[in-house]
Amino acid sequence: SLPKATKALIYICAGVFILELFLKSQLIYYFGLIPLKVIDSFWVWQIVTYIFLHGGFWHFFFNILMLKCLSTQV
């Protein structure tokens, strides 16, 4: 059984991955880390949200795999 926090991270990553299939460019623009937007437009949420975006299926797959493996080690 995985800890609740790990399960939540997996669900969030999976949900964002599915959204990326349909809205990739919009998600990257609003939630990817664009330093100029953070500084000039004060889009500070990008500091947290960029971590949930993925570069493709294998990036998503290995992120989830590492979450599962590392959470069972603790």
Protein backbone atom coordinates (compact mmCIF):
# COMPACT_ATOMS: atom_id res chain seq x y z
CA SER A 1 0.00 0.00 0.00
CA LEU A 2 1.28 3.43 -0.94
CA PRO A 3 1.18 6.44 1.38
CA LYS A 4 -1.66 8.90 0.79
CA ALA A 5 0.70 11.65 -0.37
CA THR A 6 2.25 9.36 -2.97
CA LYS A 7 -1.17 8.31 -4.24
CA ALA A 8 -2.19 11.95 -4.50
CA LEU A 9 0.94 12.80 -6.50
CA ILE A 10 0.30 9.87 -8.85
CA TYR A 11 -3.31 10.94 -9.41
CA ILE A 12 -2.30 14.55 -10.05
CA CYS A 13 0.42 13.49 -12.50
CA ALA A 14 -1.95 11.14 -14.31
CA GLY A 15 -4.64 13.80 -14.57
CA VAL A 16 -2.22 16.39 -15.90
CA PHE A 17 -0.80 13.86 -18.36
CA ILE A 18 -4.28 13.21 -19.75
CA LEU A 19 -4.94 16.95 -20.00
CA GLU A 20 -1.64 17.36 -21.84
CA LEU A 21 -2.85 15.01 -24.55
CA PHE A 22 -5.51 17.58 -25.48
CA LEU A 23 -4.24 20.96 -24.25
CA LYS A 24 -0.43 20.70 -24.33
CA SER A 25 0.48 24.17 -25.62
CA GLN A 26 -1.98 25.93 -23.31
CA LEU A 27 -0.84 23.97 -20.26
CA ILE A 28 2.80 24.69 -21.00
CA TYR A 29 2.11 28.40 -21.43
CA TYR A 30 0.12 28.81 -18.21
CA PHE A 31 1.69 26.15 -15.96
CA GLY A 32 5.18 25.53 -17.37
CA LEU A 33 8.03 27.51 -15.85
CA ILE A 34 8.58 30.68 -17.89
CA PRO A 35 10.90 32.82 -15.76
CA LEU A 36 9.93 36.07 -17.51
CA LYS A 37 6.24 35.47 -16.72
CA VAL A 38 7.06 34.74 -13.07
CA ILE A 39 9.07 37.94 -12.73
CA ASP A 40 7.22 40.38 -14.99
CA SER A 41 3.62 39.16 -14.72
CA PHE A 42 3.93 37.65 -11.22
CA TRP A 43 2.75 34.18 -12.32
CA VAL A 44 4.25 32.63 -9.18
CA TRP A 45 2.17 29.44 -9.38
CA GLN A 46 4.48 28.31 -12.19
CA ILE A 47 7.19 27.70 -9.59
CA VAL A 48 5.06 24.81 -8.26
CA THR A 49 3.00 23.65 -11.26
CA TYR A 50 5.78 23.08 -13.80
CA ILE A 51 6.87 19.92 -12.00
CA PHE A 52 3.63 18.15 -12.96
CA LEU A 53 4.08 18.64 -16.72
CA HIS A 54 5.62 15.79 -18.70
CA GLY A 55 7.73 15.48 -21.83
CA GLY A 56 5.83 12.46 -23.13
CA PHE A 57 4.63 9.00 -22.14
CA TRP A 58 8.03 7.64 -21.07
CA HIS A 59 8.76 10.69 -18.94
CA PHE A 60 5.41 10.21 -17.20
CA PHE A 61 5.98 6.44 -16.87
CA PHE A 62 9.39 6.76 -15.21
CA ASN A 63 8.19 9.55 -12.89
CA ILE A 64 5.40 7.29 -11.62
CA LEU A 65 7.75 4.32 -11.39
CA MET A 66 10.21 6.32 -9.28
CA LEU A 67 7.42 7.60 -7.03
CA LYS A 68 6.30 4.02 -6.39
CA CYS A 69 9.80 2.66 -5.88
CA LEU A 70 10.97 5.44 -3.59
CA SER A 71 7.82 5.43 -1.48
CA THR A 72 8.16 1.70 -0.74
CA GLN A 73 11.76 2.24 0.42
CA VAL A 74 10.77 4.64 3.22
